[in-house]
């Protein structure tokens, strides 16, 4: 395995993502004992892993959308009540 490389990065979302990728790599190596590059899975197996992760991501995204819809519905209902002098 290569020695870690430390790069001074500016603050921001990109830097946060890079930091999170590095943390996930360390967690993965600790859990599986290998890096993704060194893992001998077949291309089909890698694509299956990616597909399953994307399915999970779709579920998380839909759940977040549903939460925002509920919040906006409550906010709209509250504004309508306030406009009518209701509490």
PDB file of N, CA and C in Angstrom:
ATOM      1  N   UNK A   1       0.842  -1.180   0.000  1.00  0.00           N
ATOM      2  CA  UNK A   1       0.000   0.000   0.000  1.00  0.00           C
ATOM      3  C   UNK A   1       0.882   1.237   0.000  1.00  0.00           C
ATOM      4  N   UNK A   2       0.479   2.256  -0.699  1.00  0.00           N
ATOM      5  CA  UNK A   2       1.249   3.494  -0.787  1.00  0.00           C
ATOM      6  C   UNK A   2       1.153   4.275   0.505  1.00  0.00           C
ATOM      7  N   UNK A   3       2.181   5.079   0.747  1.00  0.00           N
ATOM      8  CA  UNK A   3       2.149   5.964   1.904  1.00  0.00           C
ATOM      9  C   UNK A   3       1.096   7.031   1.694  1.00  0.00           C
ATOM     10  N   UNK A   4       0.469   7.495   2.784  1.00  0.00           N
ATOM     11  CA  UNK A   4      -0.542   8.554   2.626  1.00  0.00           C
ATOM     12  C   UNK A   4       0.079   9.823   2.080  1.00  0.00           C
ATOM     13  N   UNK A   5      -0.701  10.552   1.321  1.00  0.00           N
ATOM     14  CA  UNK A   5      -0.286  11.832   0.766  1.00  0.00           C
ATOM     15  C   UNK A   5      -1.156  12.897   1.402  1.00  0.00           C
ATOM     16  N   UNK A   6      -0.545  13.936   1.920  1.00  0.00           N
ATOM     17  CA  UNK A   6      -1.288  15.028   2.540  1.00  0.00           C
ATOM     18  C   UNK A   6      -1.200  16.247   1.646  1.00  0.00           C
ATOM     19  N   UNK A   7      -2.348  16.777   1.299  1.00  0.00           N
ATOM     20  CA  UNK A   7      -2.427  17.934   0.419  1.00  0.00           C
ATOM     21  C   UNK A   7      -3.179  19.029   1.155  1.00  0.00           C
ATOM     22  N   UNK A   8      -2.603  20.240   1.183  1.00  0.00           N
ATOM     23  CA  UNK A   8      -3.302  21.375   1.780  1.00  0.00           C
ATOM     24  C   UNK A   8      -4.435  21.765   0.839  1.00  0.00           C
ATOM     25  N   UNK A   9      -5.646  21.748   1.363  1.00  0.00           N
ATOM     26  CA  UNK A   9      -6.798  22.038   0.523  1.00  0.00           C
ATOM     27  C   UNK A   9      -7.544  23.240   1.074  1.00  0.00           C
ATOM     28  N   UNK A  10      -8.143  23.999   0.193  1.00  0.00           N
ATOM     29  CA  UNK A  10      -8.966  25.113   0.654  1.00  0.00           C
ATOM     30  C   UNK A  10     -10.210  24.576   1.351  1.00  0.00           C
ATOM     31  N   UNK A  11     -10.865  25.450   2.069  1.00  0.00           N
ATOM     32  CA  UNK A  11     -12.108  25.069   2.727  1.00  0.00           C
ATOM     33  C   UNK A  11     -13.214  25.020   1.691  1.00  0.00           C
ATOM     34  N   UNK A  12     -14.252  24.309   1.997  1.00  0.00           N
ATOM     35  CA  UNK A  12     -15.402  24.260   1.101  1.00  0.00           C
ATOM     36  C   UNK A  12     -15.918  22.843   0.944  1.00  0.00           C
ATOM     37  N   UNK A  13     -16.947  22.729   0.153  1.00  0.00           N
ATOM     38  CA  UNK A  13     -17.596  21.439  -0.061  1.00  0.00           C
ATOM     39  C   UNK A  13     -16.629  20.424  -0.660  1.00  0.00           C
ATOM     40  N   UNK A  14     -15.848  20.840  -1.657  1.00  0.00           N
ATOM     41  CA  UNK A  14     -14.920  19.910  -2.298  1.00  0.00           C
ATOM     42  C   UNK A  14     -13.930  19.349  -1.287  1.00  0.00           C
ATOM     43  N   UNK A  15     -13.396  20.213  -0.436  1.00  0.00           N
ATOM     44  CA  UNK A  15     -12.449  19.767   0.594  1.00  0.00           C
ATOM     45  C   UNK A  15     -13.136  18.807   1.554  1.00  0.00           C
ATOM     46  N   UNK A  16     -14.381  19.097   1.910  1.00  0.00           N
ATOM     47  CA  UNK A  16     -15.129  18.223   2.808  1.00  0.00           C
ATOM     48  C   UNK A  16     -15.316  16.837   2.177  1.00  0.00           C
ATOM     49  N   UNK A  17     -15.661  16.813   0.888  1.00  0.00           N
ATOM     50  CA  UNK A  17     -15.852  15.539   0.196  1.00  0.00           C
ATOM     51  C   UNK A  17     -14.537  14.755   0.162  1.00  0.00           C
ATOM     52  N   UNK A  18     -13.441  15.426  -0.130  1.00  0.00           N
ATOM     53  CA  UNK A  18     -12.137  14.754  -0.169  1.00  0.00           C
ATOM     54  C   UNK A  18     -11.791  14.156   1.194  1.00  0.00           C
ATOM     55  N   UNK A  19     -12.054  14.899   2.245  1.00  0.00           N
ATOM     56  CA  UNK A  19     -11.790  14.413   3.600  1.00  0.00           C
ATOM     57  C   UNK A  19     -12.655  13.195   3.905  1.00  0.00           C
ATOM     58  N   UNK A  20     -13.913  13.247   3.509  1.00  0.00           N
ATOM     59  CA  UNK A  20     -14.819  12.129   3.748  1.00  0.00           C
ATOM     60  C   UNK A  20     -14.417  10.898   2.943  1.00  0.00           C
ATOM     61  N   UNK A  21     -13.937  11.089   1.715  1.00  0.00           N
ATOM     62  CA  UNK A  21     -13.461   9.958   0.907  1.00  0.00           C
ATOM     63  C   UNK A  21     -12.271   9.296   1.598  1.00  0.00           C
ATOM     64  N   UNK A  22     -11.343  10.107   2.089  1.00  0.00           N
ATOM     65  CA  UNK A  22     -10.174   9.557   2.772  1.00  0.00           C
ATOM     66  C   UNK A  22     -10.585   8.784   4.019  1.00  0.00           C
ATOM     67  N   UNK A  23     -11.560   9.306   4.761  1.00  0.00           N
ATOM     68  CA  UNK A  23     -12.030   8.617   5.963  1.00  0.00           C
ATOM     69  C   UNK A  23     -12.703   7.294   5.599  1.00  0.00           C
ATOM     70  N   UNK A  24     -13.487   7.296   4.521  1.00  0.00           N
ATOM     71  CA  UNK A  24     -14.148   6.057   4.088  1.00  0.00           C
ATOM     72  C   UNK A  24     -13.126   5.037   3.612  1.00  0.00           C
ATOM     73  N   UNK A  25     -12.066   5.505   2.959  1.00  0.00           N
ATOM     74  CA  UNK A  25     -11.025   4.578   2.524  1.00  0.00           C
ATOM     75  C   UNK A  25     -10.379   3.918   3.737  1.00  0.00           C
ATOM     76  N   UNK A  26     -10.048   4.711   4.739  1.00  0.00           N
ATOM     77  CA  UNK A  26      -9.430   4.157   5.951  1.00  0.00           C
ATOM     78  C   UNK A  26     -10.363   3.150   6.624  1.00  0.00           C
ATOM     79  N   UNK A  27     -11.647   3.479   6.680  1.00  0.00           N
ATOM     80  CA  UNK A  27     -12.633   2.571   7.284  1.00  0.00           C
ATOM     81  C   UNK A  27     -12.733   1.276   6.474  1.00  0.00           C
ATOM     82  N   UNK A  28     -12.750   1.404   5.148  1.00  0.00           N
ATOM     83  CA  UNK A  28     -12.834   0.226   4.286  1.00  0.00           C
ATOM     84  C   UNK A  28     -11.611  -0.670   4.400  1.00  0.00           C
ATOM     85  N   UNK A  29     -10.447  -0.079   4.442  1.00  0.00           N
ATOM     86  CA  UNK A  29      -9.218  -0.864   4.581  1.00  0.00           C
ATOM     87  C   UNK A  29      -9.212  -1.576   5.937  1.00  0.00           C
ATOM     88  N   UNK A  30      -9.652  -0.878   6.982  1.00  0.00           N
ATOM     89  CA  UNK A  30      -9.709  -1.507   8.306  1.00  0.00           C
ATOM     90  C   UNK A  30     -10.709  -2.670   8.313  1.00  0.00           C
ATOM     91  N   UNK A  31     -11.829  -2.497   7.619  1.00  0.00           N
ATOM     92  CA  UNK A  31     -12.883  -3.525   7.620  1.00  0.00           C
ATOM     93  C   UNK A  31     -12.540  -4.697   6.703  1.00  0.00           C
ATOM     94  N   UNK A  32     -12.051  -4.402   5.488  1.00  0.00           N
ATOM     95  CA  UNK A  32     -11.852  -5.435   4.481  1.00  0.00           C
ATOM     96  C   UNK A  32     -10.390  -5.832   4.274  1.00  0.00           C
ATOM     97  N   UNK A  33      -9.464  -5.065   4.830  1.00  0.00           N
ATOM     98  CA  UNK A  33      -8.054  -5.400   4.715  1.00  0.00           C
ATOM     99  C   UNK A  33      -7.455  -5.132   3.350  1.00  0.00           C
ATOM    100  N   UNK A  34      -8.141  -4.361   2.525  1.00  0.00           N
ATOM    101  CA  UNK A  34      -7.628  -4.053   1.188  1.00  0.00           C
ATOM    102  C   UNK A  34      -8.250  -2.755   0.686  1.00  0.00           C
ATOM    103  N   UNK A  35      -7.600  -2.153  -0.276  1.00  0.00           N
ATOM    104  CA  UNK A  35      -8.173  -0.973  -0.922  1.00  0.00           C
ATOM    105  C   UNK A  35      -9.061  -1.422  -2.076  1.00  0.00           C
ATOM    106  N   UNK A  36      -9.842  -0.523  -2.597  1.00  0.00           N
ATOM    107  CA  UNK A  36     -10.678  -0.836  -3.760  1.00  0.00           C
ATOM    108  C   UNK A  36      -9.788  -1.226  -4.942  1.00  0.00           C
ATOM    109  N   UNK A  37      -8.717  -0.513  -5.139  1.00  0.00           N
ATOM    110  CA  UNK A  37      -7.824  -0.797  -6.266  1.00  0.00           C
ATOM    111  C   UNK A  37      -7.223  -2.199  -6.178  1.00  0.00           C
ATOM    112  N   UNK A  38      -6.991  -2.665  -4.973  1.00  0.00           N
ATOM    113  CA  UNK A  38      -6.361  -3.981  -4.777  1.00  0.00           C
ATOM    114  C   UNK A  38      -7.384  -5.110  -4.638  1.00  0.00           C
ATOM    115  N   UNK A  39      -8.659  -4.794  -4.596  1.00  0.00           N
ATOM    116  CA  UNK A  39      -9.696  -5.798  -4.404  1.00  0.00           C
ATOM    117  C   UNK A  39      -9.907  -6.572  -5.703  1.00  0.00           C
ATOM    118  N   UNK A  40      -9.894  -7.903  -5.640  1.00  0.00           N
ATOM    119  CA  UNK A  40      -9.960  -8.697  -6.866  1.00  0.00           C
ATOM    120  C   UNK A  40     -11.370  -8.996  -7.392  1.00  0.00           C
ATOM    121  N   UNK A  41     -12.375  -8.260  -6.966  1.00  0.00           N
ATOM    122  CA  UNK A  41     -13.722  -8.516  -7.471  1.00  0.00           C
ATOM    123  C   UNK A  41     -13.766  -8.349  -8.987  1.00  0.00           C
ATOM    124  N   UNK A  42     -14.680  -9.071  -9.607  1.00  0.00           N
ATOM    125  CA  UNK A  42     -14.857  -8.943 -11.059  1.00  0.00           C
ATOM    126  C   UNK A  42     -15.603  -7.645 -11.361  1.00  0.00           C
ATOM    127  N   UNK A  43     -15.557  -7.238 -12.607  1.00  0.00           N
ATOM    128  CA  UNK A  43     -16.284  -6.042 -13.023  1.00  0.00           C
ATOM    129  C   UNK A  43     -17.764  -6.210 -12.726  1.00  0.00           C
ATOM    130  N   UNK A  44     -18.315  -7.390 -12.962  1.00  0.00           N
ATOM    131  CA  UNK A  44     -19.733  -7.668 -12.692  1.00  0.00           C
ATOM    132  C   UNK A  44     -20.036  -7.470 -11.208  1.00  0.00           C
ATOM    133  N   UNK A  45     -19.157  -7.922 -10.340  1.00  0.00           N
ATOM    134  CA  UNK A  45     -19.360  -7.766  -8.894  1.00  0.00           C
ATOM    135  C   UNK A  45     -19.288  -6.299  -8.484  1.00  0.00           C
ATOM    136  N   UNK A  46     -18.350  -5.543  -9.081  1.00  0.00           N
ATOM    137  CA  UNK A  46     -18.260  -4.111  -8.779  1.00  0.00           C
ATOM    138  C   UNK A  46     -19.530  -3.394  -9.223  1.00  0.00           C
ATOM    139  N   UNK A  47     -20.016  -3.740 -10.398  1.00  0.00           N
ATOM    140  CA  UNK A  47     -21.246  -3.110 -10.888  1.00  0.00           C
ATOM    141  C   UNK A  47     -22.443  -3.476 -10.014  1.00  0.00           C
ATOM    142  N   UNK A  48     -22.492  -4.693  -9.500  1.00  0.00           N
ATOM    143  CA  UNK A  48     -23.573  -5.089  -8.603  1.00  0.00           C
ATOM    144  C   UNK A  48     -23.522  -4.265  -7.313  1.00  0.00           C
ATOM    145  N   UNK A  49     -22.324  -4.089  -6.768  1.00  0.00           N
ATOM    146  CA  UNK A  49     -22.170  -3.245  -5.572  1.00  0.00           C
ATOM    147  C   UNK A  49     -22.651  -1.822  -5.845  1.00  0.00           C
ATOM    148  N   UNK A  50     -22.229  -1.268  -6.977  1.00  0.00           N
ATOM    149  CA  UNK A  50     -22.640   0.094  -7.322  1.00  0.00           C
ATOM    150  C   UNK A  50     -24.155   0.182  -7.482  1.00  0.00           C
ATOM    151  N   UNK A  51     -24.749  -0.789  -8.139  1.00  0.00           N
ATOM    152  CA  UNK A  51     -26.195  -0.811  -8.342  1.00  0.00           C
ATOM    153  C   UNK A  51     -26.928  -0.812  -6.999  1.00  0.00           C
ATOM    154  N   UNK A  52     -26.478  -1.635  -6.075  1.00  0.00           N
ATOM    155  CA  UNK A  52     -27.116  -1.698  -4.754  1.00  0.00           C
ATOM    156  C   UNK A  52     -26.964  -0.385  -3.994  1.00  0.00           C
ATOM    157  N   UNK A  53     -25.794   0.245  -4.104  1.00  0.00           N
ATOM    158  CA  UNK A  53     -25.584   1.544  -3.455  1.00  0.00           C
ATOM    159  C   UNK A  53     -26.497   2.604  -4.061  1.00  0.00           C
ATOM    160  N   UNK A  54     -26.677   2.566  -5.381  1.00  0.00           N
ATOM    161  CA  UNK A  54     -27.558   3.532  -6.046  1.00  0.00           C
ATOM    162  C   UNK A  54     -29.016   3.329  -5.644  1.00  0.00           C
ATOM    163  N   UNK A  55     -29.431   2.080  -5.473  1.00  0.00           N
ATOM    164  CA  UNK A  55     -30.783   1.817  -4.980  1.00  0.00           C
ATOM    165  C   UNK A  55     -30.964   2.421  -3.591  1.00  0.00           C
ATOM    166  N   UNK A  56     -29.975   2.219  -2.723  1.00  0.00           N
ATOM    167  CA  UNK A  56     -30.034   2.817  -1.382  1.00  0.00           C
ATOM    168  C   UNK A  56     -30.112   4.338  -1.484  1.00  0.00           C
ATOM    169  N   UNK A  57     -29.293   4.925  -2.360  1.00  0.00           N
ATOM    170  CA  UNK A  57     -29.286   6.381  -2.515  1.00  0.00           C
ATOM    171  C   UNK A  57     -30.646   6.888  -2.987  1.00  0.00           C
ATOM    172  N   UNK A  58     -31.296   6.155  -3.884  1.00  0.00           N
ATOM    173  CA  UNK A  58     -32.619   6.559  -4.360  1.00  0.00           C
ATOM    174  C   UNK A  58     -33.628   6.554  -3.210  1.00  0.00           C
ATOM    175  N   UNK A  59     -33.545   5.562  -2.342  1.00  0.00           N
ATOM    176  CA  UNK A  59     -34.446   5.491  -1.187  1.00  0.00           C
ATOM    177  C   UNK A  59     -34.193   6.666  -0.250  1.00  0.00           C
ATOM    178  N   UNK A  60     -32.920   6.963   0.032  1.00  0.00           N
ATOM    179  CA  UNK A  60     -32.592   8.083   0.920  1.00  0.00           C
ATOM    180  C   UNK A  60     -33.083   9.399   0.329  1.00  0.00           C
ATOM    181  N   UNK A  61     -32.891   9.587  -0.967  1.00  0.00           N
ATOM    182  CA  UNK A  61     -33.309  10.811  -1.643  1.00  0.00           C
ATOM    183  C   UNK A  61     -34.831  10.953  -1.589  1.00  0.00           C
ATOM    184  N   UNK A  62     -35.561   9.873  -1.862  1.00  0.00           N
ATOM    185  CA  UNK A  62     -37.020   9.938  -1.853  1.00  0.00           C
ATOM    186  C   UNK A  62     -37.543  10.236  -0.458  1.00  0.00           C
ATOM    187  N   UNK A  63     -36.907   9.677   0.550  1.00  0.00           N
ATOM    188  CA  UNK A  63     -37.301   9.946   1.929  1.00  0.00           C
ATOM    189  C   UNK A  63     -37.102  11.417   2.260  1.00  0.00           C
ATOM    190  N   UNK A  64     -35.979  12.005   1.834  1.00  0.00           N
ATOM    191  CA  UNK A  64     -35.707  13.421   2.072  1.00  0.00           C
ATOM    192  C   UNK A  64     -36.724  14.294   1.348  1.00  0.00           C
ATOM    193  N   UNK A  65     -37.074  13.929   0.114  1.00  0.00           N
ATOM    194  CA  UNK A  65     -38.080  14.687  -0.635  1.00  0.00           C
ATOM    195  C   UNK A  65     -39.419  14.640   0.094  1.00  0.00           C
ATOM    196  N   UNK A  66     -39.796  13.464   0.592  1.00  0.00           N
ATOM    197  CA  UNK A  66     -41.058  13.326   1.322  1.00  0.00           C
ATOM    198  C   UNK A  66     -41.060  14.207   2.576  1.00  0.00           C
ATOM    199  N   UNK A  67     -39.929  14.273   3.260  1.00  0.00           N
ATOM    200  CA  UNK A  67     -39.831  15.120   4.454  1.00  0.00           C
ATOM    201  C   UNK A  67     -39.996  16.588   4.088  1.00  0.00           C
ATOM    202  N   UNK A  68     -39.336  17.019   3.012  1.00  0.00           N
ATOM    203  CA  UNK A  68     -39.480  18.411   2.570  1.00  0.00           C
ATOM    204  C   UNK A  68     -40.913  18.711   2.157  1.00  0.00           C
ATOM    205  N   UNK A  69     -41.539  17.767   1.476  1.00  0.00           N
ATOM    206  CA  UNK A  69     -42.940  17.963   1.081  1.00  0.00           C
ATOM    207  C   UNK A  69     -43.835  18.120   2.303  1.00  0.00           C
ATOM    208  N   UNK A  70     -43.602  17.299   3.318  1.00  0.00           N
ATOM    209  CA  UNK A  70     -44.390  17.409   4.545  1.00  0.00           C
ATOM    210  C   UNK A  70     -44.159  18.760   5.213  1.00  0.00           C
ATOM    211  N   UNK A  71     -42.906  19.190   5.288  1.00  0.00           N
ATOM    212  CA  UNK A  71     -42.587  20.476   5.908  1.00  0.00           C
ATOM    213  C   UNK A  71     -43.235  21.620   5.142  1.00  0.00           C
ATOM    214  N   UNK A  72     -43.146  21.589   3.832  1.00  0.00           N
ATOM    215  CA  UNK A  72     -43.749  22.650   3.024  1.00  0.00           C
ATOM    216  C   UNK A  72     -45.263  22.641   3.157  1.00  0.00           C
ATOM    217  N   UNK A  73     -45.855  21.472   3.260  1.00  0.00           N
ATOM    218  CA  UNK A  73     -47.294  21.373   3.449  1.00  0.00           C
ATOM    219  C   UNK A  73     -47.716  21.985   4.766  1.00  0.00           C
ATOM    220  N   UNK A  74     -46.962  21.726   5.813  1.00  0.00           N
ATOM    221  CA  UNK A  74     -47.261  22.314   7.113  1.00  0.00           C
ATOM    222  C   UNK A  74     -47.077  23.813   7.064  1.00  0.00           C
ATOM    223  N   UNK A  75     -46.007  24.262   6.420  1.00  0.00           N
ATOM    224  CA  UNK A  75     -45.753  25.696   6.337  1.00  0.00           C
ATOM    225  C   UNK A  75     -46.870  26.387   5.563  1.00  0.00           C
ATOM    226  N   UNK A  76     -47.316  25.787   4.466  1.00  0.00           N
ATOM    227  CA  UNK A  76     -48.389  26.366   3.672  1.00  0.00           C
ATOM    228  C   UNK A  76     -49.686  26.397   4.474  1.00  0.00           C
ATOM    229  N   UNK A  77     -49.959  25.315   5.189  1.00  0.00           N
ATOM    230  CA  UNK A  77     -51.161  25.259   6.025  1.00  0.00           C
ATOM    231  C   UNK A  77     -51.104  26.321   7.116  1.00  0.00           C
ATOM    232  N   UNK A  78     -49.938  26.470   7.751  1.00  0.00           N
ATOM    233  CA  UNK A  78     -49.779  27.477   8.800  1.00  0.00           C
ATOM    234  C   UNK A  78     -49.961  28.885   8.244  1.00  0.00           C
ATOM    235  N   UNK A  79     -49.420  29.138   7.027  1.00  0.00           N
ATOM    236  CA  UNK A  79     -49.569  30.465   6.431  1.00  0.00           C
ATOM    237  C   UNK A  79     -51.033  30.753   6.095  1.00  0.00           C
ATOM    238  N   UNK A  80     -51.744  29.736   5.620  1.00  0.00           N
ATOM    239  CA  UNK A  80     -53.166  29.909   5.303  1.00  0.00           C
ATOM    240  C   UNK A  80     -53.960  30.222   6.561  1.00  0.00           C
ATOM    241  N   UNK A  81     -53.663  29.502   7.639  1.00  0.00           N
ATOM    242  CA  UNK A  81     -54.355  29.760   8.904  1.00  0.00           C
ATOM    243  C   UNK A  81     -54.045  31.161   9.409  1.00  0.00           C
ATOM    244  N   UNK A  82     -52.789  31.572   9.315  1.00  0.00           N
ATOM    245  CA  UNK A  82     -52.383  32.896   9.795  1.00  0.00           C
ATOM    246  C   UNK A  82     -53.083  33.984   8.981  1.00  0.00           C
ATOM    247  N   UNK A  83     -53.250  33.759   7.690  1.00  0.00           N
ATOM    248  CA  UNK A  83     -53.914  34.737   6.834  1.00  0.00           C
ATOM    249  C   UNK A  83     -55.381  34.918   7.173  1.00  0.00           C
ATOM    250  N   UNK A  84     -55.954  33.882   7.785  1.00  0.00           N
ATOM    251  CA  UNK A  84     -57.361  33.931   8.183  1.00  0.00           C
ATOM    252  C   UNK A  84     -57.524  34.354   9.635  1.00  0.00           C
ATOM    253  N   UNK A  85     -56.396  34.675  10.291  1.00  0.00           N
ATOM    254  CA  UNK A  85     -56.442  35.076  11.689  1.00  0.00           C
ATOM    255  C   UNK A  85     -56.543  33.894  12.644  1.00  0.00           C
ATOM    256  N   UNK A  86     -56.299  32.673  12.139  1.00  0.00           N
ATOM    257  CA  UNK A  86     -56.359  31.486  12.994  1.00  0.00           C
ATOM    258  C   UNK A  86     -54.991  31.215  13.585  1.00  0.00           C
ATOM    259  N   UNK A  87     -54.968  30.424  14.619  1.00  0.00           N
ATOM    260  CA  UNK A  87     -53.684  30.001  15.227  1.00  0.00           C
ATOM    261  C   UNK A  87     -53.485  28.537  15.047  1.00  0.00           C
TER     262      UNK A  87
END
